[in-house]
Amino acid sequence: MDYDEFMKSPALREVAPPYQTDADLAAEAADPVVEVFKRDIDFTLVEKNLRLTTEQRAQQLVNATRFIARFRPLVADGQR
């Protein structure tokens, strides 16, 4: 499908579902299963990561990947 066909396609005219309402969010927040999982989340780390720029988050991902890659050979040797 080329660009012109895509721009004329009916998929572009479909309406997106509405965002959740406040009532939906409140009902979800009151879910006991969600509440159990929320106990174990350190929201200070979530907030810290949300303050980072996209570039800083990408750099953290690269650093974590390099860190893990250093230990993969050790784990592979230990499993033999």
C-alpha atoms as a PDB file:
ATOM      1  CA  MET A   1       0.000   0.000   0.000  1.00  0.00           C
ATOM      2  CA  ASP A   2       1.492   3.306  -1.003  1.00  0.00           C
ATOM      3  CA  TYR A   3       1.073   6.628   0.767  1.00  0.00           C
ATOM      4  CA  ASP A   4      -1.936   7.826  -1.270  1.00  0.00           C
ATOM      5  CA  GLU A   5      -3.819   4.568  -0.750  1.00  0.00           C
ATOM      6  CA  PHE A   6      -3.064   4.696   2.956  1.00  0.00           C
ATOM      7  CA  MET A   7      -4.299   8.264   3.271  1.00  0.00           C
ATOM      8  CA  LYS A   8      -7.594   7.254   1.596  1.00  0.00           C
ATOM      9  CA  SER A   9      -8.062   4.118   3.682  1.00  0.00           C
ATOM     10  CA  PRO A  10     -11.089   3.868   5.990  1.00  0.00           C
ATOM     11  CA  ALA A  11      -8.799   2.948   8.897  1.00  0.00           C
ATOM     12  CA  LEU A  12      -7.801   6.599   9.192  1.00  0.00           C
ATOM     13  CA  ARG A  13     -11.412   7.576   9.749  1.00  0.00           C
ATOM     14  CA  GLU A  14     -12.008   5.167  12.614  1.00  0.00           C
ATOM     15  CA  VAL A  15     -12.727   6.826  15.909  1.00  0.00           C
ATOM     16  CA  ALA A  16     -10.415   6.019  18.786  1.00  0.00           C
ATOM     17  CA  PRO A  17     -12.039   4.716  21.953  1.00  0.00           C
ATOM     18  CA  PRO A  18     -12.581   7.400  24.592  1.00  0.00           C
ATOM     19  CA  TYR A  19     -10.120   7.853  27.400  1.00  0.00           C
ATOM     20  CA  GLN A  20     -10.972   6.377  30.756  1.00  0.00           C
ATOM     21  CA  THR A  21     -13.250   8.504  32.855  1.00  0.00           C
ATOM     22  CA  ASP A  22     -12.510   9.454  36.447  1.00  0.00           C
ATOM     23  CA  ALA A  23     -15.059   6.871  37.568  1.00  0.00           C
ATOM     24  CA  ASP A  24     -13.229   4.152  35.615  1.00  0.00           C
ATOM     25  CA  LEU A  25      -9.932   5.163  37.176  1.00  0.00           C
ATOM     26  CA  ALA A  26     -11.448   5.222  40.662  1.00  0.00           C
ATOM     27  CA  ALA A  27     -12.914   1.739  40.188  1.00  0.00           C
ATOM     28  CA  GLU A  28      -9.556   0.461  38.969  1.00  0.00           C
ATOM     29  CA  ALA A  29      -7.762   2.043  41.920  1.00  0.00           C
ATOM     30  CA  ALA A  30     -10.127   0.301  44.322  1.00  0.00           C
ATOM     31  CA  ASP A  31      -9.299  -3.131  42.862  1.00  0.00           C
ATOM     32  CA  PRO A  32      -7.857  -5.215  45.736  1.00  0.00           C
ATOM     33  CA  VAL A  33      -5.425  -7.042  43.449  1.00  0.00           C
ATOM     34  CA  VAL A  34      -3.994  -3.742  42.221  1.00  0.00           C
ATOM     35  CA  GLU A  35      -3.686  -2.526  45.803  1.00  0.00           C
ATOM     36  CA  VAL A  36      -1.635  -5.617  46.741  1.00  0.00           C
ATOM     37  CA  PHE A  37       0.799  -4.994  43.894  1.00  0.00           C
ATOM     38  CA  LYS A  38       1.040  -1.264  44.654  1.00  0.00           C
ATOM     39  CA  ARG A  39       2.416  -2.084  48.119  1.00  0.00           C
ATOM     40  CA  ASP A  40       5.587  -3.470  46.551  1.00  0.00           C
ATOM     41  CA  ILE A  41       6.284  -0.587  44.176  1.00  0.00           C
ATOM     42  CA  ASP A  42       8.816   2.031  45.178  1.00  0.00           C
ATOM     43  CA  PHE A  43       7.181   5.110  43.710  1.00  0.00           C
ATOM     44  CA  THR A  44      10.203   7.284  44.489  1.00  0.00           C
ATOM     45  CA  LEU A  45      12.117   5.329  41.826  1.00  0.00           C
ATOM     46  CA  VAL A  46       9.258   5.709  39.368  1.00  0.00           C
ATOM     47  CA  GLU A  47       9.162   9.469  39.970  1.00  0.00           C
ATOM     48  CA  LYS A  48      12.950   9.700  39.674  1.00  0.00           C
ATOM     49  CA  ASN A  49      12.883   7.941  36.303  1.00  0.00           C
ATOM     50  CA  LEU A  50      10.023  10.099  35.047  1.00  0.00           C
ATOM     51  CA  ARG A  51      12.117  13.206  35.726  1.00  0.00           C
ATOM     52  CA  LEU A  52      14.847  11.924  33.374  1.00  0.00           C
ATOM     53  CA  THR A  53      15.017  12.989  29.768  1.00  0.00           C
ATOM     54  CA  THR A  54      14.554  10.435  27.015  1.00  0.00           C
ATOM     55  CA  GLU A  55      18.291  10.511  26.355  1.00  0.00           C
ATOM     56  CA  GLN A  56      19.056   9.839  30.025  1.00  0.00           C
ATOM     57  CA  ARG A  57      16.629   6.910  30.089  1.00  0.00           C
ATOM     58  CA  ALA A  58      18.212   5.486  26.944  1.00  0.00           C
ATOM     59  CA  GLN A  59      21.657   5.809  28.537  1.00  0.00           C
ATOM     60  CA  GLN A  60      20.419   3.956  31.623  1.00  0.00           C
ATOM     61  CA  LEU A  61      19.175   1.160  29.376  1.00  0.00           C
ATOM     62  CA  VAL A  62      22.546   0.960  27.612  1.00  0.00           C
ATOM     63  CA  ASN A  63      24.364   0.871  30.952  1.00  0.00           C
ATOM     64  CA  ALA A  64      22.093  -1.872  32.302  1.00  0.00           C
ATOM     65  CA  THR A  65      22.527  -3.917  29.126  1.00  0.00           C
ATOM     66  CA  ARG A  66      26.308  -3.644  29.350  1.00  0.00           C
ATOM     67  CA  PHE A  67      26.214  -4.607  33.029  1.00  0.00           C
ATOM     68  CA  ILE A  68      24.151  -7.709  32.300  1.00  0.00           C
ATOM     69  CA  ALA A  69      26.339  -8.651  29.321  1.00  0.00           C
ATOM     70  CA  ARG A  70      29.390  -8.737  31.596  1.00  0.00           C
ATOM     71  CA  PHE A  71      27.827 -11.484  33.711  1.00  0.00           C
ATOM     72  CA  ARG A  72      26.273 -13.653  30.994  1.00  0.00           C
ATOM     73  CA  PRO A  73      29.475 -15.654  30.360  1.00  0.00           C
ATOM     74  CA  LEU A  74      29.834 -16.301  34.099  1.00  0.00           C
ATOM     75  CA  VAL A  75      26.279 -17.598  34.341  1.00  0.00           C
ATOM     76  CA  ALA A  76      26.724 -19.759  31.244  1.00  0.00           C
ATOM     77  CA  ASP A  77      29.932 -21.277  32.720  1.00  0.00           C
ATOM     78  CA  GLY A  78      28.159 -21.969  35.998  1.00  0.00           C
ATOM     79  CA  GLN A  79      25.386 -23.908  34.285  1.00  0.00           C
ATOM     80  CA  ARG A  80      27.791 -26.384  32.667  1.00  0.00           C
END
